[in-house]
C-alpha atoms as a PDB file:
ATOM      1  CA  MET A   1    -146.847-118.965   1.981  1.00  0.00           C
ATOM      2  CA  THR A   2    -150.302-119.298   2.940  1.00  0.00           C
ATOM      3  CA  GLU A   3    -152.046-122.196   3.928  1.00  0.00           C
ATOM      4  CA  GLY A   4    -154.136-121.941   0.495  1.00  0.00           C
ATOM      5  CA  GLU A   5    -150.838-122.019  -1.505  1.00  0.00           C
ATOM      6  CA  ARG A   6    -149.384-125.115   0.110  1.00  0.00           C
ATOM      7  CA  PRO A   7    -151.505-127.943  -1.426  1.00  0.00           C
ATOM      8  CA  THR A   8    -150.837-126.365  -4.840  1.00  0.00           C
ATOM      9  CA  VAL A   9    -147.188-126.437  -4.394  1.00  0.00           C
ATOM     10  CA  ASP A  10    -147.401-130.142  -3.078  1.00  0.00           C
ATOM     11  CA  ALA A  11    -149.601-130.957  -5.866  1.00  0.00           C
ATOM     12  CA  LYS A  12    -147.101-129.539  -8.481  1.00  0.00           C
ATOM     13  CA  LEU A  13    -144.291-131.374  -6.744  1.00  0.00           C
ATOM     14  CA  ALA A  14    -146.366-134.735  -6.708  1.00  0.00           C
ATOM     15  CA  GLU A  15    -146.932-134.320 -10.317  1.00  0.00           C
ATOM     16  CA  LEU A  16    -143.141-133.521 -11.124  1.00  0.00           C
ATOM     17  CA  VAL A  17    -142.177-136.770  -9.045  1.00  0.00           C
ATOM     18  CA  GLY A  18    -144.856-138.602 -11.157  1.00  0.00           C
ATOM     19  CA  GLN A  19    -143.436-137.174 -14.388  1.00  0.00           C
ATOM     20  CA  LEU A  20    -140.007-138.212 -13.361  1.00  0.00           C
ATOM     21  CA  ALA A  21    -140.995-141.863 -12.655  1.00  0.00           C
ATOM     22  CA  ASP A  22    -142.623-141.987 -16.013  1.00  0.00           C
ATOM     23  CA  ASP A  23    -139.706-140.461 -17.902  1.00  0.00           C
ATOM     24  CA  ALA A  24    -137.363-143.009 -15.945  1.00  0.00           C
ATOM     25  CA  ARG A  25    -139.637-146.033 -16.899  1.00  0.00           C
ATOM     26  CA  GLU A  26    -139.596-144.711 -20.611  1.00  0.00           C
ATOM     27  CA  VAL A  27    -135.848-144.311 -20.573  1.00  0.00           C
ATOM     28  CA  ALA A  28    -135.468-147.829 -19.051  1.00  0.00           C
ATOM     29  CA  SER A  29    -137.647-149.150 -21.621  1.00  0.00           C
ATOM     30  CA  ALA A  30    -135.917-147.497 -24.391  1.00  0.00           C
ATOM     31  CA  GLU A  31    -132.526-148.819 -23.125  1.00  0.00           C
ATOM     32  CA  ILE A  32    -133.790-152.248 -22.972  1.00  0.00           C
ATOM     33  CA  GLY A  33    -135.133-152.255 -26.505  1.00  0.00           C
ATOM     34  CA  LEU A  34    -131.785-150.838 -27.593  1.00  0.00           C
ATOM     35  CA  ILE A  35    -129.949-153.664 -25.859  1.00  0.00           C
ATOM     36  CA  LYS A  36    -132.233-156.250 -27.501  1.00  0.00           C
ATOM     37  CA  ALA A  37    -131.675-154.661 -30.967  1.00  0.00           C
ATOM     38  CA  ARG A  38    -127.757-154.905 -30.357  1.00  0.00           C
ATOM     39  CA  VAL A  39    -127.914-158.481 -29.277  1.00  0.00           C
ATOM     40  CA  THR A  40    -130.164-159.408 -32.214  1.00  0.00           C
ATOM     41  CA  THR A  41    -127.885-157.750 -34.710  1.00  0.00           C
ATOM     42  CA  GLY A  42    -124.783-159.435 -33.241  1.00  0.00           C
ATOM     43  CA  VAL A  43    -126.575-162.792 -33.174  1.00  0.00           C
ATOM     44  CA  THR A  44    -127.575-162.476 -36.822  1.00  0.00           C
ATOM     45  CA  ARG A  45    -124.085-161.595 -37.782  1.00  0.00           C
ATOM     46  CA  VAL A  46    -122.651-164.636 -35.959  1.00  0.00           C
ATOM     47  CA  ARG A  47    -125.393-166.773 -37.376  1.00  0.00           C
ATOM     48  CA  ASP A  48    -124.626-165.673 -40.988  1.00  0.00           C
ATOM     49  CA  ALA A  49    -121.012-166.078 -40.442  1.00  0.00           C
ATOM     50  CA  ALA A  50    -121.555-169.714 -38.945  1.00  0.00           C
ATOM     51  CA  ILE A  51    -123.732-170.561 -42.112  1.00  0.00           C
ATOM     52  CA  LEU A  52    -120.989-169.404 -44.476  1.00  0.00           C
ATOM     53  CA  PHE A  53    -118.305-171.157 -42.704  1.00  0.00           C
ATOM     54  CA  ALA A  54    -120.342-174.250 -42.626  1.00  0.00           C
ATOM     55  CA  ILE A  55    -120.868-174.205 -46.397  1.00  0.00           C
ATOM     56  CA  ALA A  56    -117.090-173.573 -46.864  1.00  0.00           C
ATOM     57  CA  GLY A  57    -116.331-176.663 -44.878  1.00  0.00           C
ATOM     58  CA  VAL A  58    -118.917-178.856 -46.726  1.00  0.00           C
ATOM     59  CA  LEU A  59    -117.319-177.484 -50.074  1.00  0.00           C
ATOM     60  CA  ALA A  60    -113.857-178.015 -48.805  1.00  0.00           C
ATOM     61  CA  LEU A  61    -114.701-181.673 -47.669  1.00  0.00           C
ATOM     62  CA  ALA A  62    -116.179-182.284 -51.175  1.00  0.00           C
ATOM     63  CA  ALA A  63    -112.968-181.067 -52.940  1.00  0.00           C
ATOM     64  CA  LEU A  64    -110.847-183.287 -50.695  1.00  0.00           C
ATOM     65  CA  ILE A  65    -113.043-186.439 -51.265  1.00  0.00           C
ATOM     66  CA  ALA A  66    -112.551-185.599 -55.159  1.00  0.00           C
ATOM     67  CA  LEU A  67    -109.011-185.265 -54.660  1.00  0.00           C
ATOM     68  CA  LEU A  68    -108.761-188.652 -52.812  1.00  0.00           C
ATOM     69  CA  VAL A  69    -110.846-190.279 -55.443  1.00  0.00           C
ATOM     70  CA  GLY A  70    -108.584-188.850 -58.115  1.00  0.00           C
ATOM     71  CA  LEU A  71    -105.648-190.138 -56.162  1.00  0.00           C
ATOM     72  CA  ILE A  72    -107.170-193.507 -55.953  1.00  0.00           C
ATOM     73  CA  ALA A  73    -107.778-193.705 -59.701  1.00  0.00           C
ATOM     74  CA  THR A  74    -104.394-192.526 -60.538  1.00  0.00           C
ATOM     75  CA  LEU A  75    -102.738-195.078 -58.295  1.00  0.00           C
ATOM     76  CA  SER A  76    -105.014-197.661 -59.445  1.00  0.00           C
ATOM     77  CA  VAL A  77    -103.288-197.782 -63.071  1.00  0.00           C
ATOM     78  CA  TYR A  78    -100.043-198.494 -61.107  1.00  0.00           C
ATOM     79  CA  VAL A  79    -100.945-200.875 -58.399  1.00  0.00           C
ATOM     80  CA  GLY A  80    -104.446-201.944 -59.046  1.00  0.00           C
ATOM     81  CA  PRO A  81    -107.629-200.388 -57.586  1.00  0.00           C
ATOM     82  CA  ALA A  82    -107.608-202.389 -54.110  1.00  0.00           C
ATOM     83  CA  LEU A  83    -104.094-201.603 -53.155  1.00  0.00           C
ATOM     84  CA  ALA A  84    -104.451-197.910 -54.345  1.00  0.00           C
ATOM     85  CA  THR A  85    -107.539-197.626 -52.092  1.00  0.00           C
ATOM     86  CA  ALA A  86    -105.592-199.240 -49.202  1.00  0.00           C
ATOM     87  CA  ILE A  87    -102.665-196.867 -49.651  1.00  0.00           C
ATOM     88  CA  VAL A  88    -104.430-193.667 -49.874  1.00  0.00           C
ATOM     89  CA  CYS A  89    -107.010-194.688 -46.953  1.00  0.00           C
ATOM     90  CA  GLY A  90    -104.171-195.821 -44.907  1.00  0.00           C
ATOM     91  CA  THR A  91    -102.303-192.498 -45.563  1.00  0.00           C
ATOM     92  CA  VAL A  92    -105.295-190.472 -44.677  1.00  0.00           C
ATOM     93  CA  LEU A  93    -105.809-192.287 -41.598  1.00  0.00           C
ATOM     94  CA  VAL A  94    -102.447-192.048 -40.455  1.00  0.00           C
ATOM     95  CA  ILE A  95    -102.447-188.288 -40.987  1.00  0.00           C
ATOM     96  CA  ALA A  96    -105.625-188.123 -39.101  1.00  0.00           C
ATOM     97  CA  ALA A  97    -104.248-189.953 -36.102  1.00  0.00           C
ATOM     98  CA  ILE A  98    -101.228-187.584 -35.919  1.00  0.00           C
ATOM     99  CA  LEU A  99    -103.440-184.552 -36.186  1.00  0.00           C
ATOM    100  CA  GLY A 100    -105.738-186.231 -33.451  1.00  0.00           C
ATOM    101  CA  PHE A 101    -102.680-186.837 -31.042  1.00  0.00           C
ATOM    102  CA  LEU A 102    -101.379-183.442 -31.534  1.00  0.00           C
ATOM    103  CA  GLY A 103    -104.741-182.030 -30.691  1.00  0.00           C
ATOM    104  CA  LYS A 104    -105.069-184.057 -27.640  1.00  0.00           C
ATOM    105  CA  GLY A 105    -101.456-183.003 -26.570  1.00  0.00           C
ATOM    106  CA  LYS A 106    -102.595-179.249 -27.028  1.00  0.00           C
ATOM    107  CA  LEU A 107    -105.626-179.878 -24.826  1.00  0.00           C
ATOM    108  CA  ALA A 108    -103.600-181.689 -22.109  1.00  0.00           C
ATOM    109  CA  SER A 109    -101.221-178.840 -22.029  1.00  0.00           C
ATOM    110  CA  ARG A 110    -103.929-176.356 -21.343  1.00  0.00           C
ATOM    111  CA  THR A 111    -105.519-177.998 -18.399  1.00  0.00           C
ATOM    112  CA  PRO A 112    -105.244-175.974 -15.318  1.00  0.00           C
ATOM    113  CA  LYS A 113    -103.382-177.472 -12.397  1.00  0.00           C
ATOM    114  CA  PRO A 114    -105.193-177.378  -8.990  1.00  0.00           C
END
């Protein structure tokens, strides 16, 4: 190789290294875009599921309230409205307390020991 050819080879090598760096940047940018798209899709799916669960929970709560009102109305024929309300509310509060204590027990049993 002569002295005249050397700068041409070095220039081509420098150009190839520059293209390699540009291509690496483009690949990295494309990978980041792909990851962003995947995360956005996942977040959207989770958000939509959470909205549907929230609506289902609200409707279930409305149905439970309607059921309790109906139970109070039915019992009020036999024991009067005040006592029927006390019976239904007392029963629901006892059930809520039992479920709360059961939940507390589940959390206490899972607490890691040092």
